[in-house]
Amino acid sequence: MSFQSVYKLVFRRNSIFVGTVFLGALIFQSSFDVGINKFWNKYNQGKLWEDVRYKLENGEGEEE
């Protein structure tokens, strides 16, 4: 795809350009959020509430 065809498709009209920027920002934001959440869950595996809930609710984690 040459620069001229990109210009005609995206940059020629301001409304299309702004829409493309907003769409790109939404896609980036959602993919970044999913990626960071996956990293966080993998890095903190075993320390999160979902991982220790069963043990704490059934009293298996108490040391009395």
PDB file of N, CA and C in Angstrom:
ATOM      1  N   MET A   1       0.853  -1.168   0.000  1.00  0.00           N
ATOM      2  CA  MET A   1       0.000   0.000   0.000  1.00  0.00           C
ATOM      3  C   MET A   1       0.901   1.233   0.000  1.00  0.00           C
ATOM      4  N   SER A   2       0.745   2.067  -0.980  1.00  0.00           N
ATOM      5  CA  SER A   2       1.594   3.245  -1.089  1.00  0.00           C
ATOM      6  C   SER A   2       1.054   4.383  -0.229  1.00  0.00           C
ATOM      7  N   PHE A   3       1.901   5.374  -0.028  1.00  0.00           N
ATOM      8  CA  PHE A   3       1.516   6.524   0.789  1.00  0.00           C
ATOM      9  C   PHE A   3       0.328   7.256   0.179  1.00  0.00           C
ATOM     10  N   GLN A   4       0.268   7.311  -1.134  1.00  0.00           N
ATOM     11  CA  GLN A   4      -0.818   8.022  -1.800  1.00  0.00           C
ATOM     12  C   GLN A   4      -2.165   7.324  -1.543  1.00  0.00           C
ATOM     13  N   SER A   5      -2.185   6.003  -1.560  1.00  0.00           N
ATOM     14  CA  SER A   5      -3.441   5.298  -1.300  1.00  0.00           C
ATOM     15  C   SER A   5      -3.842   5.415   0.161  1.00  0.00           C
ATOM     16  N   VAL A   6      -2.855   5.410   1.077  1.00  0.00           N
ATOM     17  CA  VAL A   6      -3.158   5.618   2.497  1.00  0.00           C
ATOM     18  C   VAL A   6      -3.716   7.019   2.705  1.00  0.00           C
ATOM     19  N   TYR A   7      -3.116   8.000   2.046  1.00  0.00           N
ATOM     20  CA  TYR A   7      -3.600   9.371   2.155  1.00  0.00           C
ATOM     21  C   TYR A   7      -5.045   9.488   1.685  1.00  0.00           C
ATOM     22  N   LYS A   8      -5.346   8.885   0.546  1.00  0.00           N
ATOM     23  CA  LYS A   8      -6.701   8.959   0.011  1.00  0.00           C
ATOM     24  C   LYS A   8      -7.706   8.236   0.904  1.00  0.00           C
ATOM     25  N   LEU A   9      -7.268   7.158   1.542  1.00  0.00           N
ATOM     26  CA  LEU A   9      -8.168   6.352   2.354  1.00  0.00           C
ATOM     27  C   LEU A   9      -8.383   6.941   3.751  1.00  0.00           C
ATOM     28  N   VAL A  10      -7.333   7.451   4.381  1.00  0.00           N
ATOM     29  CA  VAL A  10      -7.408   7.817   5.795  1.00  0.00           C
ATOM     30  C   VAL A  10      -7.281   9.312   6.035  1.00  0.00           C
ATOM     31  N   PHE A  11      -6.264   9.942   5.463  1.00  0.00           N
ATOM     32  CA  PHE A  11      -5.910  11.309   5.846  1.00  0.00           C
ATOM     33  C   PHE A  11      -6.619  12.404   5.060  1.00  0.00           C
ATOM     34  N   ARG A  12      -7.294  12.071   4.008  1.00  0.00           N
ATOM     35  CA  ARG A  12      -7.876  13.102   3.155  1.00  0.00           C
ATOM     36  C   ARG A  12      -9.003  13.858   3.847  1.00  0.00           C
ATOM     37  N   ARG A  13      -9.863  13.144   4.542  1.00  0.00           N
ATOM     38  CA  ARG A  13     -10.977  13.787   5.249  1.00  0.00           C
ATOM     39  C   ARG A  13     -10.693  13.749   6.740  1.00  0.00           C
ATOM     40  N   ASN A  14     -10.929  14.860   7.380  1.00  0.00           N
ATOM     41  CA  ASN A  14     -10.641  14.974   8.804  1.00  0.00           C
ATOM     42  C   ASN A  14     -11.514  14.026   9.627  1.00  0.00           C
ATOM     43  N   SER A  15     -12.752  13.844   9.265  1.00  0.00           N
ATOM     44  CA  SER A  15     -13.639  12.972  10.037  1.00  0.00           C
ATOM     45  C   SER A  15     -13.161  11.520   9.994  1.00  0.00           C
ATOM     46  N   ILE A  16     -12.684  11.068   8.861  1.00  0.00           N
ATOM     47  CA  ILE A  16     -12.158   9.705   8.745  1.00  0.00           C
ATOM     48  C   ILE A  16     -10.868   9.577   9.547  1.00  0.00           C
ATOM     49  N   PHE A  17     -10.020  10.607   9.495  1.00  0.00           N
ATOM     50  CA  PHE A  17      -8.762  10.588  10.239  1.00  0.00           C
ATOM     51  C   PHE A  17      -9.026  10.515  11.746  1.00  0.00           C
ATOM     52  N   VAL A  18      -9.947  11.338  12.242  1.00  0.00           N
ATOM     53  CA  VAL A  18     -10.263  11.338  13.671  1.00  0.00           C
ATOM     54  C   VAL A  18     -10.873   9.997  14.076  1.00  0.00           C
ATOM     55  N   GLY A  19     -11.740   9.458  13.258  1.00  0.00           N
ATOM     56  CA  GLY A  19     -12.324   8.145  13.542  1.00  0.00           C
ATOM     57  C   GLY A  19     -11.283   7.051  13.581  1.00  0.00           C
ATOM     58  N   THR A  20     -10.311   7.120  12.670  1.00  0.00           N
ATOM     59  CA  THR A  20      -9.232   6.140  12.649  1.00  0.00           C
ATOM     60  C   THR A  20      -8.379   6.243  13.914  1.00  0.00           C
ATOM     61  N   VAL A  21      -8.110   7.468  14.355  1.00  0.00           N
ATOM     62  CA  VAL A  21      -7.326   7.659  15.574  1.00  0.00           C
ATOM     63  C   VAL A  21      -8.077   7.100  16.779  1.00  0.00           C
ATOM     64  N   PHE A  22      -9.363   7.401  16.882  1.00  0.00           N
ATOM     65  CA  PHE A  22     -10.153   6.889  18.006  1.00  0.00           C
ATOM     66  C   PHE A  22     -10.246   5.368  17.979  1.00  0.00           C
ATOM     67  N   LEU A  23     -10.476   4.798  16.822  1.00  0.00           N
ATOM     68  CA  LEU A  23     -10.554   3.345  16.700  1.00  0.00           C
ATOM     69  C   LEU A  23      -9.221   2.694  17.060  1.00  0.00           C
ATOM     70  N   GLY A  24      -8.139   3.277  16.580  1.00  0.00           N
ATOM     71  CA  GLY A  24      -6.822   2.753  16.921  1.00  0.00           C
ATOM     72  C   GLY A  24      -6.546   2.837  18.414  1.00  0.00           C
ATOM     73  N   ALA A  25      -6.965   3.943  19.040  1.00  0.00           N
ATOM     74  CA  ALA A  25      -6.762   4.099  20.484  1.00  0.00           C
ATOM     75  C   ALA A  25      -7.585   3.078  21.266  1.00  0.00           C
ATOM     76  N   LEU A  26      -8.813   2.823  20.852  1.00  0.00           N
ATOM     77  CA  LEU A  26      -9.643   1.840  21.538  1.00  0.00           C
ATOM     78  C   LEU A  26      -9.074   0.430  21.408  1.00  0.00           C
ATOM     79  N   ILE A  27      -8.613   0.094  20.226  1.00  0.00           N
ATOM     80  CA  ILE A  27      -8.033  -1.231  20.012  1.00  0.00           C
ATOM     81  C   ILE A  27      -6.758  -1.386  20.827  1.00  0.00           C
ATOM     82  N   PHE A  28      -5.906  -0.365  20.824  1.00  0.00           N
ATOM     83  CA  PHE A  28      -4.669  -0.425  21.598  1.00  0.00           C
ATOM     84  C   PHE A  28      -4.973  -0.537  23.087  1.00  0.00           C
ATOM     85  N   GLN A  29      -5.920   0.253  23.568  1.00  0.00           N
ATOM     86  CA  GLN A  29      -6.251   0.247  24.995  1.00  0.00           C
ATOM     87  C   GLN A  29      -6.759  -1.114  25.441  1.00  0.00           C
ATOM     88  N   SER A  30      -7.647  -1.708  24.665  1.00  0.00           N
ATOM     89  CA  SER A  30      -8.203  -2.993  25.074  1.00  0.00           C
ATOM     90  C   SER A  30      -7.155  -4.107  24.990  1.00  0.00           C
ATOM     91  N   SER A  31      -6.319  -4.105  23.964  1.00  0.00           N
ATOM     92  CA  SER A  31      -5.295  -5.147  23.861  1.00  0.00           C
ATOM     93  C   SER A  31      -4.220  -4.958  24.931  1.00  0.00           C
ATOM     94  N   PHE A  32      -3.853  -3.732  25.247  1.00  0.00           N
ATOM     95  CA  PHE A  32      -2.882  -3.464  26.304  1.00  0.00           C
ATOM     96  C   PHE A  32      -3.430  -3.909  27.650  1.00  0.00           C
ATOM     97  N   ASP A  33      -4.717  -3.634  27.904  1.00  0.00           N
ATOM     98  CA  ASP A  33      -5.354  -4.017  29.156  1.00  0.00           C
ATOM     99  C   ASP A  33      -5.384  -5.532  29.322  1.00  0.00           C
ATOM    100  N   VAL A  34      -5.727  -6.240  28.275  1.00  0.00           N
ATOM    101  CA  VAL A  34      -5.755  -7.706  28.336  1.00  0.00           C
ATOM    102  C   VAL A  34      -4.352  -8.254  28.568  1.00  0.00           C
ATOM    103  N   GLY A  35      -3.374  -7.705  27.872  1.00  0.00           N
ATOM    104  CA  GLY A  35      -2.004  -8.175  28.036  1.00  0.00           C
ATOM    105  C   GLY A  35      -1.456  -7.937  29.433  1.00  0.00           C
ATOM    106  N   ILE A  36      -1.704  -6.761  29.989  1.00  0.00           N
ATOM    107  CA  ILE A  36      -1.226  -6.449  31.332  1.00  0.00           C
ATOM    108  C   ILE A  36      -1.932  -7.323  32.368  1.00  0.00           C
ATOM    109  N   ASN A  37      -3.235  -7.557  32.203  1.00  0.00           N
ATOM    110  CA  ASN A  37      -3.959  -8.422  33.140  1.00  0.00           C
ATOM    111  C   ASN A  37      -3.427  -9.855  33.106  1.00  0.00           C
ATOM    112  N   LYS A  38      -3.122 -10.363  31.925  1.00  0.00           N
ATOM    113  CA  LYS A  38      -2.557 -11.713  31.830  1.00  0.00           C
ATOM    114  C   LYS A  38      -1.190 -11.778  32.491  1.00  0.00           C
ATOM    115  N   PHE A  39      -0.359 -10.762  32.262  1.00  0.00           N
ATOM    116  CA  PHE A  39       0.949 -10.716  32.900  1.00  0.00           C
ATOM    117  C   PHE A  39       0.815 -10.650  34.411  1.00  0.00           C
ATOM    118  N   TRP A  40      -0.074  -9.804  34.906  1.00  0.00           N
ATOM    119  CA  TRP A  40      -0.270  -9.627  36.348  1.00  0.00           C
ATOM    120  C   TRP A  40      -0.748 -10.929  36.995  1.00  0.00           C
ATOM    121  N   ASN A  41      -1.714 -11.594  36.367  1.00  0.00           N
ATOM    122  CA  ASN A  41      -2.226 -12.850  36.917  1.00  0.00           C
ATOM    123  C   ASN A  41      -1.163 -13.943  36.912  1.00  0.00           C
ATOM    124  N   LYS A  42      -0.338 -14.003  35.876  1.00  0.00           N
ATOM    125  CA  LYS A  42       0.721 -15.017  35.823  1.00  0.00           C
ATOM    126  C   LYS A  42       1.807 -14.703  36.851  1.00  0.00           C
ATOM    127  N   TYR A  43       2.188 -13.445  36.985  1.00  0.00           N
ATOM    128  CA  TYR A  43       3.255 -13.061  37.907  1.00  0.00           C
ATOM    129  C   TYR A  43       2.829 -13.243  39.360  1.00  0.00           C
ATOM    130  N   ASN A  44       1.559 -13.028  39.676  1.00  0.00           N
ATOM    131  CA  ASN A  44       1.063 -13.111  41.044  1.00  0.00           C
ATOM    132  C   ASN A  44       0.246 -14.364  41.303  1.00  0.00           C
ATOM    133  N   GLN A  45       0.466 -15.401  40.534  1.00  0.00           N
ATOM    134  CA  GLN A  45      -0.276 -16.645  40.700  1.00  0.00           C
ATOM    135  C   GLN A  45      -0.005 -17.229  42.087  1.00  0.00           C
ATOM    136  N   GLY A  46      -1.064 -17.586  42.781  1.00  0.00           N
ATOM    137  CA  GLY A  46      -0.948 -18.130  44.121  1.00  0.00           C
ATOM    138  C   GLY A  46      -1.121 -17.092  45.205  1.00  0.00           C
ATOM    139  N   LYS A  47      -1.085 -15.823  44.853  1.00  0.00           N
ATOM    140  CA  LYS A  47      -1.229 -14.745  45.825  1.00  0.00           C
ATOM    141  C   LYS A  47      -2.536 -13.985  45.662  1.00  0.00           C
ATOM    142  N   LEU A  48      -3.269 -14.260  44.610  1.00  0.00           N
ATOM    143  CA  LEU A  48      -4.504 -13.547  44.332  1.00  0.00           C
ATOM    144  C   LEU A  48      -5.683 -14.177  45.064  1.00  0.00           C
ATOM    145  N   TRP A  49      -6.733 -13.400  45.218  1.00  0.00           N
ATOM    146  CA  TRP A  49      -7.919 -13.852  45.939  1.00  0.00           C
ATOM    147  C   TRP A  49      -8.520 -15.091  45.305  1.00  0.00           C
ATOM    148  N   GLU A  50      -8.546 -15.147  44.001  1.00  0.00           N
ATOM    149  CA  GLU A  50      -9.119 -16.317  43.325  1.00  0.00           C
ATOM    150  C   GLU A  50      -8.350 -17.592  43.673  1.00  0.00           C
ATOM    151  N   ASP A  51      -7.056 -17.460  43.956  1.00  0.00           N
ATOM    152  CA  ASP A  51      -6.223 -18.627  44.247  1.00  0.00           C
ATOM    153  C   ASP A  51      -6.325 -19.078  45.698  1.00  0.00           C
ATOM    154  N   VAL A  52      -6.535 -18.158  46.629  1.00  0.00           N
ATOM    155  CA  VAL A  52      -6.526 -18.511  48.051  1.00  0.00           C
ATOM    156  C   VAL A  52      -7.916 -18.516  48.677  1.00  0.00           C
ATOM    157  N   ARG A  53      -8.920 -18.223  47.932  1.00  0.00           N
ATOM    158  CA  ARG A  53     -10.281 -18.127  48.463  1.00  0.00           C
ATOM    159  C   ARG A  53     -10.747 -19.423  49.114  1.00  0.00           C
ATOM    160  N   TYR A  54     -10.570 -20.540  48.417  1.00  0.00           N
ATOM    161  CA  TYR A  54     -11.051 -21.818  48.928  1.00  0.00           C
ATOM    162  C   TYR A  54     -10.366 -22.172  50.249  1.00  0.00           C
ATOM    163  N   LYS A  55      -9.053 -21.956  50.310  1.00  0.00           N
ATOM    164  CA  LYS A  55      -8.315 -22.288  51.529  1.00  0.00           C
ATOM    165  C   LYS A  55      -8.763 -21.435  52.711  1.00  0.00           C
ATOM    166  N   LEU A  56      -8.977 -20.170  52.479  1.00  0.00           N
ATOM    167  CA  LEU A  56      -9.341 -19.278  53.577  1.00  0.00           C
ATOM    168  C   LEU A  56     -10.786 -19.474  54.027  1.00  0.00           C
ATOM    169  N   GLU A  57     -11.672 -19.741  53.095  1.00  0.00           N
ATOM    170  CA  GLU A  57     -13.077 -19.935  53.464  1.00  0.00           C
ATOM    171  C   GLU A  57     -13.286 -21.245  54.218  1.00  0.00           C
ATOM    172  N   ASN A  58     -12.496 -22.254  53.950  1.00  0.00           N
ATOM    173  CA  ASN A  58     -12.639 -23.549  54.613  1.00  0.00           C
ATOM    174  C   ASN A  58     -11.725 -23.687  55.820  1.00  0.00           C
ATOM    175  N   GLY A  59     -10.975 -22.665  56.139  1.00  0.00           N
ATOM    176  CA  GLY A  59     -10.131 -22.696  57.321  1.00  0.00           C
ATOM    177  C   GLY A  59      -8.853 -23.473  57.166  1.00  0.00           C
ATOM    178  N   GLU A  60      -8.466 -23.794  55.944  1.00  0.00           N
ATOM    179  CA  GLU A  60      -7.240 -24.559  55.745  1.00  0.00           C
ATOM    180  C   GLU A  60      -5.997 -23.690  55.892  1.00  0.00           C
ATOM    181  N   GLY A  61      -6.142 -22.382  55.776  1.00  0.00           N
ATOM    182  CA  GLY A  61      -4.987 -21.502  55.832  1.00  0.00           C
ATOM    183  C   GLY A  61      -4.689 -20.988  57.218  1.00  0.00           C
ATOM    184  N   GLU A  62      -5.475 -21.346  58.209  1.00  0.00           N
ATOM    185  CA  GLU A  62      -5.259 -20.856  59.568  1.00  0.00           C
ATOM    186  C   GLU A  62      -4.168 -21.658  60.255  1.00  0.00           C
ATOM    187  N   GLU A  63      -3.386 -20.956  61.077  1.00  0.00           N
ATOM    188  CA  GLU A  63      -2.280 -21.624  61.754  1.00  0.00           C
ATOM    189  C   GLU A  63      -2.472 -21.593  63.265  1.00  0.00           C
ATOM    190  N   GLU A  64      -3.632 -21.834  63.774  1.00  0.00           N
ATOM    191  CA  GLU A  64      -3.902 -21.802  65.217  1.00  0.00           C
ATOM    192  C   GLU A  64      -3.808 -23.171  65.826  1.00  0.00           C
TER     193      GLU A  64
END
